Amino acid sequence: MHPSHYWLTGRPDQVIDSVGVTLHRATQDDLGELVDSINASLAELAPWMPWAQVPATPPAIGSFLAQADVSWEAGSEFQFAVRAGHGAESALLGFCGLHDRIGPGVLEIGYWVRTDCTGRGVATAAAAGLTRAALAMEGVSGVEIHCDAANLASAAIPPKLGFRLDRTDEVVATSPGSSGRHLIWVYPA
């Protein structure tokens, strides 16, 4: 059974500053740059992301961004463009979000970074900003990061932020690189 998001009454800020990056609420203005970023990073995203098995298209990403707006208003998901600076004209570095998939009081963080921006702390900074934003929301007492055990780059981020590895769950592999083992990191630890 999917958790109900009706427990969540607050919203994160639409702009979140973090070390070296700014998270901006996802909008249709992100469309062209998001399509280009996904397609430029498809080879690195495809092993881990089920949605990255085919090239991104404007209609598909437009639909994703429209749903992101609906989900924001419903309080079930909060999607952000990760940018190098404050304005919408600053470079798109990746995307991240807070997701109500776990149950009352806990939000899950998701993130990905453009291939040409990896190894620079972008995902760590985005996850740090999302963690602070989530815990500032009324009713949120914890945050989780889930990643495949084989995704070493993603698994390196939670311990840098003080997350504790809570468990490893066996799951159905949904992408080519998936080991079928998900690491579940929790904060506060």
C-alpha atoms as a PDB file:
ATOM      1  CA  MET A   1       0.000   0.000   0.000  1.00  0.00           C
ATOM      2  CA  HIS A   2       1.365   3.415  -0.975  1.00  0.00           C
ATOM      3  CA  PRO A   3       1.581   5.848   1.935  1.00  0.00           C
ATOM      4  CA  SER A   4      -0.915   8.673   2.016  1.00  0.00           C
ATOM      5  CA  HIS A   5       0.539  12.145   1.692  1.00  0.00           C
ATOM      6  CA  TYR A   6      -2.334  13.762   3.573  1.00  0.00           C
ATOM      7  CA  TRP A   7      -0.243  13.926   6.741  1.00  0.00           C
ATOM      8  CA  LEU A   8       2.044  16.469   5.084  1.00  0.00           C
ATOM      9  CA  THR A   9       0.641  19.969   5.488  1.00  0.00           C
ATOM     10  CA  GLY A  10       3.703  22.135   4.822  1.00  0.00           C
ATOM     11  CA  ARG A  11       5.846  22.756   1.783  1.00  0.00           C
ATOM     12  CA  PRO A  12       9.560  23.400   1.458  1.00  0.00           C
ATOM     13  CA  ASP A  13      10.730  26.792   0.260  1.00  0.00           C
ATOM     14  CA  GLN A  14      10.646  27.140  -3.519  1.00  0.00           C
ATOM     15  CA  VAL A  15      14.310  28.198  -3.516  1.00  0.00           C
ATOM     16  CA  ILE A  16      16.816  26.453  -1.250  1.00  0.00           C
ATOM     17  CA  ASP A  17      20.403  27.631  -0.929  1.00  0.00           C
ATOM     18  CA  SER A  18      23.069  25.034  -0.246  1.00  0.00           C
ATOM     19  CA  VAL A  19      26.859  25.055  -0.428  1.00  0.00           C
ATOM     20  CA  GLY A  20      27.732  26.017  -4.001  1.00  0.00           C
ATOM     21  CA  VAL A  21      24.284  25.269  -5.476  1.00  0.00           C
ATOM     22  CA  THR A  22      20.752  26.591  -5.383  1.00  0.00           C
ATOM     23  CA  LEU A  23      17.678  24.377  -5.640  1.00  0.00           C
ATOM     24  CA  HIS A  24      14.778  25.933  -7.553  1.00  0.00           C
ATOM     25  CA  ARG A  25      11.266  24.512  -7.634  1.00  0.00           C
ATOM     26  CA  ALA A  26      10.897  22.656 -10.945  1.00  0.00           C
ATOM     27  CA  THR A  27       8.853  24.487 -13.575  1.00  0.00           C
ATOM     28  CA  GLN A  28       8.107  24.247 -17.277  1.00  0.00           C
ATOM     29  CA  ASP A  29      10.916  26.804 -17.761  1.00  0.00           C
ATOM     30  CA  ASP A  30      13.340  23.921 -17.049  1.00  0.00           C
ATOM     31  CA  LEU A  31      12.063  21.870 -20.002  1.00  0.00           C
ATOM     32  CA  GLY A  32      14.671  22.420 -22.729  1.00  0.00           C
ATOM     33  CA  GLU A  33      17.655  22.378 -20.426  1.00  0.00           C
ATOM     34  CA  LEU A  34      16.349  19.306 -18.589  1.00  0.00           C
ATOM     35  CA  VAL A  35      15.864  17.361 -21.843  1.00  0.00           C
ATOM     36  CA  ASP A  36      19.402  18.300 -22.927  1.00  0.00           C
ATOM     37  CA  SER A  37      20.884  17.422 -19.516  1.00  0.00           C
ATOM     38  CA  ILE A  38      19.228  14.015 -19.358  1.00  0.00           C
ATOM     39  CA  ASN A  39      20.252  13.141 -22.898  1.00  0.00           C
ATOM     40  CA  ALA A  40      23.841  14.299 -22.309  1.00  0.00           C
ATOM     41  CA  SER A  41      23.965  12.038 -19.234  1.00  0.00           C
ATOM     42  CA  LEU A  42      21.906   9.077 -20.456  1.00  0.00           C
ATOM     43  CA  ALA A  43      24.790   6.581 -20.475  1.00  0.00           C
ATOM     44  CA  GLU A  44      25.519   7.277 -16.796  1.00  0.00           C
ATOM     45  CA  LEU A  45      21.869   7.532 -15.692  1.00  0.00           C
ATOM     46  CA  ALA A  46      20.573   4.424 -17.488  1.00  0.00           C
ATOM     47  CA  PRO A  47      22.219   1.841 -15.192  1.00  0.00           C
ATOM     48  CA  TRP A  48      20.423   3.283 -12.136  1.00  0.00           C
ATOM     49  CA  MET A  49      17.293   5.118 -13.273  1.00  0.00           C
ATOM     50  CA  PRO A  50      14.361   3.190 -14.773  1.00  0.00           C
ATOM     51  CA  TRP A  51      13.140   6.367 -16.495  1.00  0.00           C
ATOM     52  CA  ALA A  52      16.503   6.834 -18.285  1.00  0.00           C
ATOM     53  CA  GLN A  53      16.204   3.801 -20.570  1.00  0.00           C
ATOM     54  CA  VAL A  54      15.192   5.915 -23.572  1.00  0.00           C
ATOM     55  CA  PRO A  55      16.199   9.425 -24.656  1.00  0.00           C
ATOM     56  CA  ALA A  56      14.277  12.269 -23.069  1.00  0.00           C
ATOM     57  CA  THR A  57      11.821  14.115 -25.299  1.00  0.00           C
ATOM     58  CA  PRO A  58      10.092  17.469 -24.777  1.00  0.00           C
ATOM     59  CA  PRO A  59       6.634  15.832 -24.528  1.00  0.00           C
ATOM     60  CA  ALA A  60       7.792  13.284 -21.925  1.00  0.00           C
ATOM     61  CA  ILE A  61       9.691  15.819 -19.818  1.00  0.00           C
ATOM     62  CA  GLY A  62       6.880  18.353 -20.217  1.00  0.00           C
ATOM     63  CA  SER A  63       4.517  15.757 -18.785  1.00  0.00           C
ATOM     64  CA  PHE A  64       6.948  15.058 -15.918  1.00  0.00           C
ATOM     65  CA  LEU A  65       7.161  18.780 -15.103  1.00  0.00           C
ATOM     66  CA  ALA A  66       3.365  19.154 -15.251  1.00  0.00           C
ATOM     67  CA  GLN A  67       3.020  16.235 -12.837  1.00  0.00           C
ATOM     68  CA  ALA A  68       5.719  17.784 -10.622  1.00  0.00           C
ATOM     69  CA  ASP A  69       3.542  20.890 -10.320  1.00  0.00           C
ATOM     70  CA  VAL A  70       0.453  18.814  -9.447  1.00  0.00           C
ATOM     71  CA  SER A  71       2.447  16.776  -6.907  1.00  0.00           C
ATOM     72  CA  TRP A  72       3.858  19.940  -5.316  1.00  0.00           C
ATOM     73  CA  GLU A  73       0.370  21.350  -4.825  1.00  0.00           C
ATOM     74  CA  ALA A  74      -0.861  17.984  -3.477  1.00  0.00           C
ATOM     75  CA  GLY A  75       2.081  17.815  -1.060  1.00  0.00           C
ATOM     76  CA  SER A  76       3.278  14.405  -2.231  1.00  0.00           C
ATOM     77  CA  GLU A  77       6.478  15.347  -4.054  1.00  0.00           C
ATOM     78  CA  PHE A  78       8.725  18.372  -4.332  1.00  0.00           C
ATOM     79  CA  GLN A  79      10.978  18.478  -7.414  1.00  0.00           C
ATOM     80  CA  PHE A  80      13.898  20.896  -7.766  1.00  0.00           C
ATOM     81  CA  ALA A  81      16.308  21.951 -10.486  1.00  0.00           C
ATOM     82  CA  VAL A  82      19.847  22.040  -9.083  1.00  0.00           C
ATOM     83  CA  ARG A  83      21.498  25.185 -10.430  1.00  0.00           C
ATOM     84  CA  ALA A  84      24.921  26.781 -10.163  1.00  0.00           C
ATOM     85  CA  GLY A  85      23.474  30.114  -9.043  1.00  0.00           C
ATOM     86  CA  HIS A  86      20.352  31.943  -7.998  1.00  0.00           C
ATOM     87  CA  GLY A  87      18.738  32.877 -11.288  1.00  0.00           C
ATOM     88  CA  ALA A  88      16.834  30.589 -13.619  1.00  0.00           C
ATOM     89  CA  GLU A  89      19.480  31.472 -16.219  1.00  0.00           C
ATOM     90  CA  SER A  90      22.243  29.819 -14.169  1.00  0.00           C
ATOM     91  CA  ALA A  91      23.439  26.424 -15.397  1.00  0.00           C
ATOM     92  CA  LEU A  92      21.365  23.315 -14.666  1.00  0.00           C
ATOM     93  CA  LEU A  93      23.589  20.840 -12.816  1.00  0.00           C
ATOM     94  CA  GLY A  94      21.009  18.142 -12.075  1.00  0.00           C
ATOM     95  CA  PHE A  95      17.657  17.458 -10.489  1.00  0.00           C
ATOM     96  CA  CYS A  96      16.538  16.367  -7.035  1.00  0.00           C
ATOM     97  CA  GLY A  97      13.415  15.930  -4.992  1.00  0.00           C
ATOM     98  CA  LEU A  98      11.641  15.096  -1.772  1.00  0.00           C
ATOM     99  CA  HIS A  99       9.177  12.221  -2.069  1.00  0.00           C
ATOM    100  CA  ASP A 100       6.387  11.031   0.238  1.00  0.00           C
ATOM    101  CA  ARG A 101       6.816   7.288  -0.443  1.00  0.00           C
ATOM    102  CA  ILE A 102       7.692   5.945   2.975  1.00  0.00           C
ATOM    103  CA  GLY A 103       4.992   6.938   5.430  1.00  0.00           C
ATOM    104  CA  PRO A 104       3.976   9.699   7.826  1.00  0.00           C
ATOM    105  CA  GLY A 105       6.830  11.769   9.206  1.00  0.00           C
ATOM    106  CA  VAL A 106       9.492  10.651   6.705  1.00  0.00           C
ATOM    107  CA  LEU A 107      10.459  11.944   3.255  1.00  0.00           C
ATOM    108  CA  GLU A 108      12.797  10.267   0.770  1.00  0.00           C
ATOM    109  CA  ILE A 109      15.470  12.232  -1.094  1.00  0.00           C
ATOM    110  CA  GLY A 110      16.294  11.511  -4.716  1.00  0.00           C
ATOM    111  CA  TYR A 111      18.987  13.148  -6.851  1.00  0.00           C
ATOM    112  CA  TRP A 112      20.987  12.936 -10.062  1.00  0.00           C
ATOM    113  CA  VAL A 113      23.696  15.118 -11.546  1.00  0.00           C
ATOM    114  CA  ARG A 114      24.720  15.864 -15.131  1.00  0.00           C
ATOM    115  CA  THR A 115      27.662  13.730 -16.189  1.00  0.00           C
ATOM    116  CA  ASP A 116      29.857  16.763 -16.815  1.00  0.00           C
ATOM    117  CA  CYS A 117      29.178  18.012 -13.251  1.00  0.00           C
ATOM    118  CA  THR A 118      29.860  14.838 -11.247  1.00  0.00           C
ATOM    119  CA  GLY A 119      32.675  14.597  -8.733  1.00  0.00           C
ATOM    120  CA  ARG A 120      32.269  18.229  -7.646  1.00  0.00           C
ATOM    121  CA  GLY A 121      30.003  17.776  -4.611  1.00  0.00           C
ATOM    122  CA  VAL A 122      26.828  18.821  -6.438  1.00  0.00           C
ATOM    123  CA  ALA A 123      24.709  15.836  -5.315  1.00  0.00           C
ATOM    124  CA  THR A 124      26.061  16.114  -1.764  1.00  0.00           C
ATOM    125  CA  ALA A 125      25.158  19.815  -1.626  1.00  0.00           C
ATOM    126  CA  ALA A 126      21.702  19.157  -3.101  1.00  0.00           C
ATOM    127  CA  ALA A 127      21.014  16.342  -0.616  1.00  0.00           C
ATOM    128  CA  ALA A 128      22.220  18.538   2.266  1.00  0.00           C
ATOM    129  CA  GLY A 129      19.842  21.325   1.207  1.00  0.00           C
ATOM    130  CA  LEU A 130      16.932  18.911   0.856  1.00  0.00           C
ATOM    131  CA  THR A 131      17.656  17.359   4.254  1.00  0.00           C
ATOM    132  CA  ARG A 132      17.559  20.762   5.965  1.00  0.00           C
ATOM    133  CA  ALA A 133      14.420  21.779   4.053  1.00  0.00           C
ATOM    134  CA  ALA A 134      12.601  18.536   4.838  1.00  0.00           C
ATOM    135  CA  LEU A 135      13.365  18.635   8.547  1.00  0.00           C
ATOM    136  CA  ALA A 136      12.169  22.263   8.692  1.00  0.00           C
ATOM    137  CA  MET A 137       8.746  21.195   7.425  1.00  0.00           C
ATOM    138  CA  GLU A 138       5.992  20.699   9.967  1.00  0.00           C
ATOM    139  CA  GLY A 139       5.429  17.020  10.722  1.00  0.00           C
ATOM    140  CA  VAL A 140       8.657  15.746   9.160  1.00  0.00           C
ATOM    141  CA  SER A 141      10.835  13.927  11.672  1.00  0.00           C
ATOM    142  CA  GLY A 142      13.157  12.002   9.371  1.00  0.00           C
ATOM    143  CA  VAL A 143      14.662  11.713   5.928  1.00  0.00           C
ATOM    144  CA  GLU A 144      15.846   8.676   3.969  1.00  0.00           C
ATOM    145  CA  ILE A 145      18.062   8.142   0.957  1.00  0.00           C
ATOM    146  CA  HIS A 146      17.642   4.876  -0.974  1.00  0.00           C
ATOM    147  CA  CYS A 147      20.187   3.754  -3.555  1.00  0.00           C
ATOM    148  CA  ASP A 148      21.329   0.561  -5.173  1.00  0.00           C
ATOM    149  CA  ALA A 149      24.269  -1.086  -3.428  1.00  0.00           C
ATOM    150  CA  ALA A 150      26.134  -1.209  -6.742  1.00  0.00           C
ATOM    151  CA  ASN A 151      25.794   2.561  -7.247  1.00  0.00           C
ATOM    152  CA  LEU A 152      28.954   3.478  -5.349  1.00  0.00           C
ATOM    153  CA  ALA A 153      28.855   7.178  -6.262  1.00  0.00           C
ATOM    154  CA  SER A 154      25.342   7.603  -4.885  1.00  0.00           C
ATOM    155  CA  ALA A 155      26.066   5.474  -1.807  1.00  0.00           C
ATOM    156  CA  ALA A 156      29.044   7.692  -0.922  1.00  0.00           C
ATOM    157  CA  ILE A 157      26.804  10.722  -0.320  1.00  0.00           C
ATOM    158  CA  PRO A 158      24.623   9.815   2.714  1.00  0.00           C
ATOM    159  CA  PRO A 159      27.489   9.118   5.151  1.00  0.00           C
ATOM    160  CA  LYS A 160      29.049  12.495   4.290  1.00  0.00           C
ATOM    161  CA  LEU A 161      25.846  14.121   5.560  1.00  0.00           C
ATOM    162  CA  GLY A 162      25.547  12.114   8.782  1.00  0.00           C
ATOM    163  CA  PHE A 163      23.026   9.561   7.507  1.00  0.00           C
ATOM    164  CA  ARG A 164      23.225   6.077   9.031  1.00  0.00           C
ATOM    165  CA  LEU A 165      22.884   2.898   6.997  1.00  0.00           C
ATOM    166  CA  ASP A 166      19.751   1.361   8.513  1.00  0.00           C
ATOM    167  CA  ARG A 167      19.382  -1.742   6.371  1.00  0.00           C
ATOM    168  CA  THR A 168      19.731  -3.367   2.968  1.00  0.00           C
ATOM    169  CA  ASP A 169      16.469  -4.419   1.318  1.00  0.00           C
ATOM    170  CA  GLU A 170      16.167  -7.006  -1.436  1.00  0.00           C
ATOM    171  CA  VAL A 171      14.137  -5.507  -4.295  1.00  0.00           C
ATOM    172  CA  VAL A 172      13.202  -6.334  -7.857  1.00  0.00           C
ATOM    173  CA  ALA A 173      15.846  -4.862 -10.157  1.00  0.00           C
ATOM    174  CA  THR A 174      14.258  -2.110 -12.264  1.00  0.00           C
ATOM    175  CA  SER A 175      17.287  -0.888 -14.181  1.00  0.00           C
ATOM    176  CA  PRO A 176      20.256  -2.575 -15.909  1.00  0.00           C
ATOM    177  CA  GLY A 177      22.889  -1.753 -13.262  1.00  0.00           C
ATOM    178  CA  SER A 178      20.715  -2.654 -10.298  1.00  0.00           C
ATOM    179  CA  SER A 179      21.997  -5.350  -7.968  1.00  0.00           C
ATOM    180  CA  GLY A 180      18.555  -5.868  -6.454  1.00  0.00           C
ATOM    181  CA  ARG A 181      19.888  -4.664  -3.102  1.00  0.00           C
ATOM    182  CA  HIS A 182      18.825  -1.205  -1.913  1.00  0.00           C
ATOM    183  CA  LEU A 183      20.738   0.558   0.803  1.00  0.00           C
ATOM    184  CA  ILE A 184      18.390   2.469   3.117  1.00  0.00           C
ATOM    185  CA  TRP A 185      20.095   5.444   4.780  1.00  0.00           C
ATOM    186  CA  VAL A 186      18.282   7.348   7.553  1.00  0.00           C
ATOM    187  CA  TYR A 187      18.623  10.787   9.162  1.00  0.00           C
ATOM    188  CA  PRO A 188      18.681  11.664  11.916  1.00  0.00           C
ATOM    189  CA  ALA A 189      20.959   8.723  12.494  1.00  0.00           C
END
